[in-house]
Amino acid sequence: MPIITGIKFIYSKIFNTIDSFYLGLVEGWIVSGLFVLSMTQVFSWFKSEIPILFIIIVSLFVLLNDYKQYKIKPNKLLKFGQLCGDLFGFVGFYYLLTEGHFSFW
């Protein structure tokens, strides 16, 4: 009986760990995707494209904030998932929306 209880405990810890990482990853993708979509709308009002320098600066500040929260908060895997989601989300959504046509300024 104690072996089955131990296996169930280990399984629940592994499942919760993977689950919290993916939850943070999806949350990071959603936040970065909504940011890039909203900024394309704002820049389209001025008949301009989003400059990649703007995306780089914003993503660096968001990643710095996520890294600080990763060091402080108790649920490190959720924050690490958000960090990875933001890292790939900003650049990925920007690339998808501009279709490879970058403007630096």
PDB file of N, CA and C in Angstrom:
ATOM      1  N   MET A   1       0.810  -1.198   0.000  1.00  0.00           N
ATOM      2  CA  MET A   1       0.000   0.000   0.000  1.00  0.00           C
ATOM      3  C   MET A   1       0.859   1.271   0.000  1.00  0.00           C
ATOM      4  N   PRO A   2       1.939   1.338   0.796  1.00  0.00           N
ATOM      5  CA  PRO A   2       2.743   2.569   0.768  1.00  0.00           C
ATOM      6  C   PRO A   2       3.415   2.802  -0.583  1.00  0.00           C
ATOM      7  N   ILE A   3       3.718   1.731  -1.326  1.00  0.00           N
ATOM      8  CA  ILE A   3       4.345   1.893  -2.638  1.00  0.00           C
ATOM      9  C   ILE A   3       3.370   2.560  -3.606  1.00  0.00           C
ATOM     10  N   ILE A   4       2.111   2.154  -3.581  1.00  0.00           N
ATOM     11  CA  ILE A   4       1.105   2.742  -4.466  1.00  0.00           C
ATOM     12  C   ILE A   4       0.887   4.212  -4.099  1.00  0.00           C
ATOM     13  N   THR A   5       0.851   4.520  -2.829  1.00  0.00           N
ATOM     14  CA  THR A   5       0.687   5.908  -2.386  1.00  0.00           C
ATOM     15  C   THR A   5       1.885   6.749  -2.816  1.00  0.00           C
ATOM     16  N   GLY A   6       3.066   6.192  -2.713  1.00  0.00           N
ATOM     17  CA  GLY A   6       4.269   6.913  -3.141  1.00  0.00           C
ATOM     18  C   GLY A   6       4.282   7.164  -4.635  1.00  0.00           C
ATOM     19  N   ILE A   7       3.855   6.167  -5.403  1.00  0.00           N
ATOM     20  CA  ILE A   7       3.802   6.327  -6.864  1.00  0.00           C
ATOM     21  C   ILE A   7       2.758   7.376  -7.241  1.00  0.00           C
ATOM     22  N   LYS A   8       1.611   7.370  -6.586  1.00  0.00           N
ATOM     23  CA  LYS A   8       0.579   8.372  -6.862  1.00  0.00           C
ATOM     24  C   LYS A   8       1.074   9.772  -6.507  1.00  0.00           C
ATOM     25  N   PHE A   9       1.813   9.898  -5.412  1.00  0.00           N
ATOM     26  CA  PHE A   9       2.357  11.201  -5.018  1.00  0.00           C
ATOM     27  C   PHE A   9       3.356  11.708  -6.055  1.00  0.00           C
ATOM     28  N   ILE A  10       4.241  10.834  -6.513  1.00  0.00           N
ATOM     29  CA  ILE A  10       5.234  11.222  -7.525  1.00  0.00           C
ATOM     30  C   ILE A  10       4.544  11.578  -8.839  1.00  0.00           C
ATOM     31  N   TYR A  11       3.535  10.796  -9.232  1.00  0.00           N
ATOM     32  CA  TYR A  11       2.802  11.081 -10.466  1.00  0.00           C
ATOM     33  C   TYR A  11       2.104  12.433 -10.379  1.00  0.00           C
ATOM     34  N   SER A  12       1.477  12.735  -9.236  1.00  0.00           N
ATOM     35  CA  SER A  12       0.781  14.024  -9.103  1.00  0.00           C
ATOM     36  C   SER A  12       1.770  15.183  -9.124  1.00  0.00           C
ATOM     37  N   LYS A  13       2.940  15.022  -8.530  1.00  0.00           N
ATOM     38  CA  LYS A  13       3.952  16.084  -8.565  1.00  0.00           C
ATOM     39  C   LYS A  13       4.440  16.323  -9.992  1.00  0.00           C
ATOM     40  N   ILE A  14       4.705  15.259 -10.732  1.00  0.00           N
ATOM     41  CA  ILE A  14       5.162  15.403 -12.113  1.00  0.00           C
ATOM     42  C   ILE A  14       4.073  16.027 -12.970  1.00  0.00           C
ATOM     43  N   PHE A  15       2.830  15.582 -12.824  1.00  0.00           N
ATOM     44  CA  PHE A  15       1.735  16.122 -13.618  1.00  0.00           C
ATOM     45  C   PHE A  15       1.511  17.601 -13.311  1.00  0.00           C
ATOM     46  N   ASN A  16       1.541  17.974 -12.036  1.00  0.00           N
ATOM     47  CA  ASN A  16       1.344  19.380 -11.673  1.00  0.00           C
ATOM     48  C   ASN A  16       2.498  20.248 -12.154  1.00  0.00           C
ATOM     49  N   THR A  17       3.696  19.714 -12.182  1.00  0.00           N
ATOM     50  CA  THR A  17       4.850  20.464 -12.661  1.00  0.00           C
ATOM     51  C   THR A  17       4.722  20.745 -14.143  1.00  0.00           C
ATOM     52  N   ILE A  18       4.428  19.731 -14.921  1.00  0.00           N
ATOM     53  CA  ILE A  18       4.288  19.904 -16.367  1.00  0.00           C
ATOM     54  C   ILE A  18       3.088  20.787 -16.674  1.00  0.00           C
ATOM     55  N   ASP A  19       2.012  20.601 -15.934  1.00  0.00           N
ATOM     56  CA  ASP A  19       0.794  21.369 -16.149  1.00  0.00           C
ATOM     57  C   ASP A  19       1.041  22.858 -15.888  1.00  0.00           C
ATOM     58  N   SER A  20       1.745  23.200 -14.823  1.00  0.00           N
ATOM     59  CA  SER A  20       1.978  24.611 -14.519  1.00  0.00           C
ATOM     60  C   SER A  20       2.925  25.248 -15.540  1.00  0.00           C
ATOM     61  N   PHE A  21       3.896  24.493 -16.046  1.00  0.00           N
ATOM     62  CA  PHE A  21       4.791  25.038 -17.065  1.00  0.00           C
ATOM     63  C   PHE A  21       4.014  25.361 -18.339  1.00  0.00           C
ATOM     64  N   TYR A  22       3.172  24.422 -18.790  1.00  0.00           N
ATOM     65  CA  TYR A  22       2.396  24.656 -20.008  1.00  0.00           C
ATOM     66  C   TYR A  22       1.373  25.771 -19.823  1.00  0.00           C
ATOM     67  N   LEU A  23       0.812  25.883 -18.639  1.00  0.00           N
ATOM     68  CA  LEU A  23      -0.126  26.966 -18.361  1.00  0.00           C
ATOM     69  C   LEU A  23       0.586  28.317 -18.483  1.00  0.00           C
ATOM     70  N   GLY A  24       1.781  28.424 -17.943  1.00  0.00           N
ATOM     71  CA  GLY A  24       2.559  29.650 -18.080  1.00  0.00           C
ATOM     72  C   GLY A  24       2.969  29.911 -19.516  1.00  0.00           C
ATOM     73  N   LEU A  25       3.296  28.867 -20.251  1.00  0.00           N
ATOM     74  CA  LEU A  25       3.684  28.999 -21.650  1.00  0.00           C
ATOM     75  C   LEU A  25       2.534  29.541 -22.491  1.00  0.00           C
ATOM     76  N   VAL A  26       1.354  28.993 -22.301  1.00  0.00           N
ATOM     77  CA  VAL A  26       0.186  29.456 -23.047  1.00  0.00           C
ATOM     78  C   VAL A  26      -0.177  30.882 -22.638  1.00  0.00           C
ATOM     79  N   GLU A  27      -0.067  31.180 -21.363  1.00  0.00           N
ATOM     80  CA  GLU A  27      -0.357  32.535 -20.899  1.00  0.00           C
ATOM     81  C   GLU A  27       0.613  33.542 -21.510  1.00  0.00           C
ATOM     82  N   GLY A  28       1.882  33.194 -21.596  1.00  0.00           N
ATOM     83  CA  GLY A  28       2.863  34.070 -22.228  1.00  0.00           C
ATOM     84  C   GLY A  28       2.578  34.280 -23.699  1.00  0.00           C
ATOM     85  N   TRP A  29       2.164  33.208 -24.393  1.00  0.00           N
ATOM     86  CA  TRP A  29       1.812  33.344 -25.817  1.00  0.00           C
ATOM     87  C   TRP A  29       0.610  34.254 -25.997  1.00  0.00           C
ATOM     88  N   ILE A  30      -0.386  34.099 -25.148  1.00  0.00           N
ATOM     89  CA  ILE A  30      -1.592  34.920 -25.274  1.00  0.00           C
ATOM     90  C   ILE A  30      -1.274  36.384 -25.026  1.00  0.00           C
ATOM     91  N   VAL A  31      -0.531  36.670 -23.973  1.00  0.00           N
ATOM     92  CA  VAL A  31      -0.196  38.059 -23.644  1.00  0.00           C
ATOM     93  C   VAL A  31       0.647  38.697 -24.747  1.00  0.00           C
ATOM     94  N   SER A  32       1.653  37.996 -25.214  1.00  0.00           N
ATOM     95  CA  SER A  32       2.507  38.573 -26.257  1.00  0.00           C
ATOM     96  C   SER A  32       1.760  38.698 -27.575  1.00  0.00           C
ATOM     97  N   GLY A  33       0.902  37.741 -27.894  1.00  0.00           N
ATOM     98  CA  GLY A  33       0.113  37.825 -29.120  1.00  0.00           C
ATOM     99  C   GLY A  33      -0.858  38.986 -29.094  1.00  0.00           C
ATOM    100  N   LEU A  34      -1.531  39.184 -27.967  1.00  0.00           N
ATOM    101  CA  LEU A  34      -2.447  40.317 -27.854  1.00  0.00           C
ATOM    102  C   LEU A  34      -1.710  41.649 -27.915  1.00  0.00           C
ATOM    103  N   PHE A  35      -0.515  41.693 -27.331  1.00  0.00           N
ATOM    104  CA  PHE A  35       0.262  42.930 -27.387  1.00  0.00           C
ATOM    105  C   PHE A  35       0.667  43.262 -28.814  1.00  0.00           C
ATOM    106  N   VAL A  36       1.170  42.276 -29.531  1.00  0.00           N
ATOM    107  CA  VAL A  36       1.608  42.529 -30.907  1.00  0.00           C
ATOM    108  C   VAL A  36       0.419  42.886 -31.792  1.00  0.00           C
ATOM    109  N   LEU A  37      -0.711  42.203 -31.603  1.00  0.00           N
ATOM    110  CA  LEU A  37      -1.908  42.542 -32.389  1.00  0.00           C
ATOM    111  C   LEU A  37      -2.398  43.957 -32.098  1.00  0.00           C
ATOM    112  N   SER A  38      -2.406  44.335 -30.831  1.00  0.00           N
ATOM    113  CA  SER A  38      -2.861  45.691 -30.499  1.00  0.00           C
ATOM    114  C   SER A  38      -1.889  46.745 -31.009  1.00  0.00           C
ATOM    115  N   MET A  39      -0.598  46.456 -30.986  1.00  0.00           N
ATOM    116  CA  MET A  39       0.368  47.430 -31.495  1.00  0.00           C
ATOM    117  C   MET A  39       0.303  47.552 -33.023  1.00  0.00           C
ATOM    118  N   THR A  40      -0.066  46.485 -33.714  1.00  0.00           N
ATOM    119  CA  THR A  40      -0.245  46.625 -35.164  1.00  0.00           C
ATOM    120  C   THR A  40      -1.418  47.540 -35.459  1.00  0.00           C
ATOM    121  N   GLN A  41      -2.449  47.466 -34.639  1.00  0.00           N
ATOM    122  CA  GLN A  41      -3.579  48.373 -34.826  1.00  0.00           C
ATOM    123  C   GLN A  41      -3.183  49.825 -34.537  1.00  0.00           C
ATOM    124  N   VAL A  42      -2.435  50.041 -33.474  1.00  0.00           N
ATOM    125  CA  VAL A  42      -2.013  51.404 -33.127  1.00  0.00           C
ATOM    126  C   VAL A  42      -1.099  51.974 -34.208  1.00  0.00           C
ATOM    127  N   PHE A  43      -0.154  51.191 -34.669  1.00  0.00           N
ATOM    128  CA  PHE A  43       0.753  51.680 -35.700  1.00  0.00           C
ATOM    129  C   PHE A  43       0.051  51.838 -37.049  1.00  0.00           C
ATOM    130  N   SER A  44      -1.004  51.063 -37.282  1.00  0.00           N
ATOM    131  CA  SER A  44      -1.740  51.221 -38.545  1.00  0.00           C
ATOM    132  C   SER A  44      -2.533  52.527 -38.573  1.00  0.00           C
ATOM    133  N   TRP A  45      -2.878  53.059 -37.420  1.00  0.00           N
ATOM    134  CA  TRP A  45      -3.547  54.364 -37.378  1.00  0.00           C
ATOM    135  C   TRP A  45      -2.648  55.448 -37.956  1.00  0.00           C
ATOM    136  N   PHE A  46      -1.346  55.287 -37.768  1.00  0.00           N
ATOM    137  CA  PHE A  46      -0.374  56.254 -38.279  1.00  0.00           C
ATOM    138  C   PHE A  46       0.208  55.819 -39.619  1.00  0.00           C
ATOM    139  N   LYS A  47      -0.401  54.798 -40.220  1.00  0.00           N
ATOM    140  CA  LYS A  47       0.023  54.263 -41.518  1.00  0.00           C
ATOM    141  C   LYS A  47       1.498  53.866 -41.504  1.00  0.00           C
ATOM    142  N   SER A  48       1.863  53.094 -40.499  1.00  0.00           N
ATOM    143  CA  SER A  48       3.232  52.664 -40.320  1.00  0.00           C
ATOM    144  C   SER A  48       3.241  51.200 -39.886  1.00  0.00           C
ATOM    145  N   GLU A  49       4.373  50.554 -40.047  1.00  0.00           N
ATOM    146  CA  GLU A  49       4.565  49.194 -39.544  1.00  0.00           C
ATOM    147  C   GLU A  49       5.242  49.263 -38.186  1.00  0.00           C
ATOM    148  N   ILE A  50       5.118  48.177 -37.452  1.00  0.00           N
ATOM    149  CA  ILE A  50       5.802  48.121 -36.158  1.00  0.00           C
ATOM    150  C   ILE A  50       7.290  47.953 -36.415  1.00  0.00           C
ATOM    151  N   PRO A  51       8.122  48.849 -35.907  1.00  0.00           N
ATOM    152  CA  PRO A  51       9.565  48.638 -36.073  1.00  0.00           C
ATOM    153  C   PRO A  51      10.054  47.513 -35.160  1.00  0.00           C
ATOM    154  N   ILE A  52      10.995  46.757 -35.639  1.00  0.00           N
ATOM    155  CA  ILE A  52      11.505  45.631 -34.858  1.00  0.00           C
ATOM    156  C   ILE A  52      12.255  46.112 -33.619  1.00  0.00           C
ATOM    157  N   LEU A  53      12.798  47.317 -33.679  1.00  0.00           N
ATOM    158  CA  LEU A  53      13.475  47.869 -32.504  1.00  0.00           C
ATOM    159  C   LEU A  53      12.483  48.058 -31.361  1.00  0.00           C
ATOM    160  N   PHE A  54      11.264  48.467 -31.677  1.00  0.00           N
ATOM    161  CA  PHE A  54      10.219  48.615 -30.662  1.00  0.00           C
ATOM    162  C   PHE A  54       9.894  47.270 -30.019  1.00  0.00           C
ATOM    163  N   ILE A  55       9.759  46.233 -30.824  1.00  0.00           N
ATOM    164  CA  ILE A  55       9.464  44.890 -30.305  1.00  0.00           C
ATOM    165  C   ILE A  55      10.616  44.382 -29.446  1.00  0.00           C
ATOM    166  N   ILE A  56      11.842  44.646 -29.864  1.00  0.00           N
ATOM    167  CA  ILE A  56      13.010  44.197 -29.096  1.00  0.00           C
ATOM    168  C   ILE A  56      13.046  44.875 -27.738  1.00  0.00           C
ATOM    169  N   ILE A  57      12.821  46.182 -27.710  1.00  0.00           N
ATOM    170  CA  ILE A  57      12.871  46.918 -26.441  1.00  0.00           C
ATOM    171  C   ILE A  57      11.760  46.460 -25.501  1.00  0.00           C
ATOM    172  N   VAL A  58      10.540  46.342 -26.018  1.00  0.00           N
ATOM    173  CA  VAL A  58       9.421  45.921 -25.174  1.00  0.00           C
ATOM    174  C   VAL A  58       9.625  44.496 -24.678  1.00  0.00           C
ATOM    175  N   SER A  59      10.062  43.610 -25.549  1.00  0.00           N
ATOM    176  CA  SER A  59      10.252  42.226 -25.121  1.00  0.00           C
ATOM    177  C   SER A  59      11.383  42.105 -24.105  1.00  0.00           C
ATOM    178  N   LEU A  60      12.422  42.915 -24.214  1.00  0.00           N
ATOM    179  CA  LEU A  60      13.489  42.877 -23.210  1.00  0.00           C
ATOM    180  C   LEU A  60      12.979  43.301 -21.839  1.00  0.00           C
ATOM    181  N   PHE A  61      12.168  44.363 -21.798  1.00  0.00           N
ATOM    182  CA  PHE A  61      11.625  44.793 -20.513  1.00  0.00           C
ATOM    183  C   PHE A  61      10.651  43.760 -19.926  1.00  0.00           C
ATOM    184  N   VAL A  62       9.843  43.152 -20.759  1.00  0.00           N
ATOM    185  CA  VAL A  62       8.917  42.119 -20.277  1.00  0.00           C
ATOM    186  C   VAL A  62       9.692  40.901 -19.795  1.00  0.00           C
ATOM    187  N   LEU A  63      10.715  40.504 -20.530  1.00  0.00           N
ATOM    188  CA  LEU A  63      11.522  39.349 -20.116  1.00  0.00           C
ATOM    189  C   LEU A  63      12.280  39.633 -18.827  1.00  0.00           C
ATOM    190  N   LEU A  64      12.759  40.859 -18.658  1.00  0.00           N
ATOM    191  CA  LEU A  64      13.435  41.226 -17.411  1.00  0.00           C
ATOM    192  C   LEU A  64      12.461  41.150 -16.238  1.00  0.00           C
ATOM    193  N   ASN A  65      11.243  41.634 -16.444  1.00  0.00           N
ATOM    194  CA  ASN A  65      10.228  41.561 -15.400  1.00  0.00           C
ATOM    195  C   ASN A  65       9.865  40.110 -15.091  1.00  0.00           C
ATOM    196  N   ASP A  66       9.714  39.293 -16.113  1.00  0.00           N
ATOM    197  CA  ASP A  66       9.410  37.876 -15.898  1.00  0.00           C
ATOM    198  C   ASP A  66      10.548  37.168 -15.168  1.00  0.00           C
ATOM    199  N   TYR A  67      11.776  37.513 -15.492  1.00  0.00           N
ATOM    200  CA  TYR A  67      12.915  36.884 -14.816  1.00  0.00           C
ATOM    201  C   TYR A  67      12.961  37.268 -13.345  1.00  0.00           C
ATOM    202  N   LYS A  68      12.652  38.541 -13.037  1.00  0.00           N
ATOM    203  CA  LYS A  68      12.612  38.961 -11.630  1.00  0.00           C
ATOM    204  C   LYS A  68      11.515  38.220 -10.878  1.00  0.00           C
ATOM    205  N   GLN A  69      10.340  38.041 -11.512  1.00  0.00           N
ATOM    206  CA  GLN A  69       9.264  37.297 -10.872  1.00  0.00           C
ATOM    207  C   GLN A  69       9.621  35.825 -10.727  1.00  0.00           C
ATOM    208  N   TYR A  70      10.361  35.294 -11.679  1.00  0.00           N
ATOM    209  CA  TYR A  70      10.800  33.904 -11.604  1.00  0.00           C
ATOM    210  C   TYR A  70      11.688  33.694 -10.384  1.00  0.00           C
ATOM    211  N   LYS A  71      12.533  34.667 -10.069  1.00  0.00           N
ATOM    212  CA  LYS A  71      13.427  34.544  -8.921  1.00  0.00           C
ATOM    213  C   LYS A  71      12.694  34.707  -7.600  1.00  0.00           C
ATOM    214  N   ILE A  72      11.592  35.479  -7.580  1.00  0.00           N
ATOM    215  CA  ILE A  72      10.920  35.824  -6.333  1.00  0.00           C
ATOM    216  C   ILE A  72       9.746  34.897  -6.014  1.00  0.00           C
ATOM    217  N   LYS A  73       8.912  34.605  -6.985  1.00  0.00           N
ATOM    218  CA  LYS A  73       7.647  33.905  -6.760  1.00  0.00           C
ATOM    219  C   LYS A  73       7.864  32.437  -6.401  1.00  0.00           C
ATOM    220  N   PRO A  74       6.936  31.863  -5.627  1.00  0.00           N
ATOM    221  CA  PRO A  74       7.108  30.464  -5.216  1.00  0.00           C
ATOM    222  C   PRO A  74       6.856  29.447  -6.326  1.00  0.00           C
ATOM    223  N   ASN A  75       5.954  29.731  -7.254  1.00  0.00           N
ATOM    224  CA  ASN A  75       5.669  28.774  -8.332  1.00  0.00           C
ATOM    225  C   ASN A  75       6.611  29.064  -9.501  1.00  0.00           C
ATOM    226  N   LYS A  76       7.815  28.561  -9.393  1.00  0.00           N
ATOM    227  CA  LYS A  76       8.856  28.879 -10.367  1.00  0.00           C
ATOM    228  C   LYS A  76       8.569  28.324 -11.756  1.00  0.00           C
ATOM    229  N   LEU A  77       7.956  27.180 -11.853  1.00  0.00           N
ATOM    230  CA  LEU A  77       7.710  26.608 -13.169  1.00  0.00           C
ATOM    231  C   LEU A  77       6.645  27.381 -13.938  1.00  0.00           C
ATOM    232  N   LEU A  78       5.652  27.921 -13.256  1.00  0.00           N
ATOM    233  CA  LEU A  78       4.660  28.760 -13.923  1.00  0.00           C
ATOM    234  C   LEU A  78       5.327  30.013 -14.465  1.00  0.00           C
ATOM    235  N   LYS A  79       6.166  30.630 -13.669  1.00  0.00           N
ATOM    236  CA  LYS A  79       6.862  31.844 -14.111  1.00  0.00           C
ATOM    237  C   LYS A  79       7.875  31.535 -15.209  1.00  0.00           C
ATOM    238  N   PHE A  80       8.516  30.360 -15.145  1.00  0.00           N
ATOM    239  CA  PHE A  80       9.437  29.973 -16.206  1.00  0.00           C
ATOM    240  C   PHE A  80       8.685  29.724 -17.512  1.00  0.00           C
ATOM    241  N   GLY A  81       7.490  29.168 -17.421  1.00  0.00           N
ATOM    242  CA  GLY A  81       6.649  28.986 -18.606  1.00  0.00           C
ATOM    243  C   GLY A  81       6.241  30.318 -19.207  1.00  0.00           C
ATOM    244  N   GLN A  82       5.911  31.300 -18.354  1.00  0.00           N
ATOM    245  CA  GLN A  82       5.587  32.634 -18.853  1.00  0.00           C
ATOM    246  C   GLN A  82       6.794  33.273 -19.519  1.00  0.00           C
ATOM    247  N   LEU A  83       7.952  33.084 -18.947  1.00  0.00           N
ATOM    248  CA  LEU A  83       9.182  33.621 -19.517  1.00  0.00           C
ATOM    249  C   LEU A  83       9.431  33.031 -20.902  1.00  0.00           C
ATOM    250  N   CYS A  84       9.302  31.727 -21.039  1.00  0.00           N
ATOM    251  CA  CYS A  84       9.501  31.085 -22.350  1.00  0.00           C
ATOM    252  C   CYS A  84       8.415  31.492 -23.337  1.00  0.00           C
ATOM    253  N   GLY A  85       7.183  31.587 -22.877  1.00  0.00           N
ATOM    254  CA  GLY A  85       6.087  31.983 -23.746  1.00  0.00           C
ATOM    255  C   GLY A  85       6.258  33.402 -24.273  1.00  0.00           C
ATOM    256  N   ASP A  86       6.688  34.311 -23.399  1.00  0.00           N
ATOM    257  CA  ASP A  86       6.941  35.686 -23.843  1.00  0.00           C
ATOM    258  C   ASP A  86       8.139  35.758 -24.776  1.00  0.00           C
ATOM    259  N   LEU A  87       9.158  34.977 -24.490  1.00  0.00           N
ATOM    260  CA  LEU A  87      10.357  34.992 -25.319  1.00  0.00           C
ATOM    261  C   LEU A  87      10.047  34.584 -26.750  1.00  0.00           C
ATOM    262  N   PHE A  88       9.314  33.510 -26.917  1.00  0.00           N
ATOM    263  CA  PHE A  88       8.996  33.049 -28.261  1.00  0.00           C
ATOM    264  C   PHE A  88       7.772  33.734 -28.846  1.00  0.00           C
ATOM    265  N   GLY A  89       6.891  34.228 -27.989  1.00  0.00           N
ATOM    266  CA  GLY A  89       5.656  34.835 -28.456  1.00  0.00           C
ATOM    267  C   GLY A  89       5.846  36.168 -29.145  1.00  0.00           C
ATOM    268  N   PHE A  90       6.643  37.059 -28.565  1.00  0.00           N
ATOM    269  CA  PHE A  90       6.834  38.374 -29.157  1.00  0.00           C
ATOM    270  C   PHE A  90       7.443  38.272 -30.551  1.00  0.00           C
ATOM    271  N   VAL A  91       8.514  37.528 -30.640  1.00  0.00           N
ATOM    272  CA  VAL A  91       9.208  37.407 -31.920  1.00  0.00           C
ATOM    273  C   VAL A  91       8.372  36.608 -32.921  1.00  0.00           C
ATOM    274  N   GLY A  92       7.745  35.541 -32.456  1.00  0.00           N
ATOM    275  CA  GLY A  92       6.960  34.701 -33.346  1.00  0.00           C
ATOM    276  C   GLY A  92       5.742  35.409 -33.914  1.00  0.00           C
ATOM    277  N   PHE A  93       4.997  36.086 -33.064  1.00  0.00           N
ATOM    278  CA  PHE A  93       3.819  36.801 -33.556  1.00  0.00           C
ATOM    279  C   PHE A  93       4.210  37.984 -34.429  1.00  0.00           C
ATOM    280  N   TYR A  94       5.312  38.625 -34.097  1.00  0.00           N
ATOM    281  CA  TYR A  94       5.774  39.729 -34.940  1.00  0.00           C
ATOM    282  C   TYR A  94       6.153  39.213 -36.327  1.00  0.00           C
ATOM    283  N   TYR A  95       6.843  38.095 -36.364  1.00  0.00           N
ATOM    284  CA  TYR A  95       7.240  37.520 -37.648  1.00  0.00           C
ATOM    285  C   TYR A  95       6.027  37.073 -38.459  1.00  0.00           C
ATOM    286  N   LEU A  96       5.030  36.498 -37.782  1.00  0.00           N
ATOM    287  CA  LEU A  96       3.826  36.062 -38.488  1.00  0.00           C
ATOM    288  C   LEU A  96       3.037  37.245 -39.045  1.00  0.00           C
ATOM    289  N   LEU A  97       2.963  38.321 -38.294  1.00  0.00           N
ATOM    290  CA  LEU A  97       2.166  39.462 -38.746  1.00  0.00           C
ATOM    291  C   LEU A  97       2.854  40.284 -39.833  1.00  0.00           C
ATOM    292  N   THR A  98       4.171  40.369 -39.782  1.00  0.00           N
ATOM    293  CA  THR A  98       4.875  41.161 -40.801  1.00  0.00           C
ATOM    294  C   THR A  98       5.255  40.331 -42.009  1.00  0.00           C
ATOM    295  N   GLU A  99       5.089  39.016 -41.925  1.00  0.00           N
ATOM    296  CA  GLU A  99       5.385  38.087 -43.009  1.00  0.00           C
ATOM    297  C   GLU A  99       6.832  38.225 -43.504  1.00  0.00           C
ATOM    298  N   GLY A 100       7.736  38.483 -42.593  1.00  0.00           N
ATOM    299  CA  GLY A 100       9.149  38.559 -42.952  1.00  0.00           C
ATOM    300  C   GLY A 100       9.629  39.909 -43.428  1.00  0.00           C
ATOM    301  N   HIS A 101       8.756  40.916 -43.520  1.00  0.00           N
ATOM    302  CA  HIS A 101       9.158  42.255 -43.943  1.00  0.00           C
ATOM    303  C   HIS A 101       9.431  43.109 -42.716  1.00  0.00           C
ATOM    304  N   PHE A 102      10.689  43.181 -42.316  1.00  0.00           N
ATOM    305  CA  PHE A 102      11.057  43.916 -41.124  1.00  0.00           C
ATOM    306  C   PHE A 102      11.377  45.371 -41.454  1.00  0.00           C
ATOM    307  N   SER A 103      10.967  46.255 -40.582  1.00  0.00           N
ATOM    308  CA  SER A 103      11.425  47.636 -40.645  1.00  0.00           C
ATOM    309  C   SER A 103      12.115  47.941 -39.330  1.00  0.00           C
ATOM    310  N   PHE A 104      13.338  48.403 -39.386  1.00  0.00           N
ATOM    311  CA  PHE A 104      14.113  48.594 -38.181  1.00  0.00           C
ATOM    312  C   PHE A 104      13.669  49.830 -37.414  1.00  0.00           C
ATOM    313  N   TRP A 105      13.303  50.869 -38.089  1.00  0.00           N
ATOM    314  CA  TRP A 105      12.903  52.111 -37.406  1.00  0.00           C
ATOM    315  C   TRP A 105      11.429  52.285 -37.410  1.00  0.00           C
TER     316      TRP A 105
END
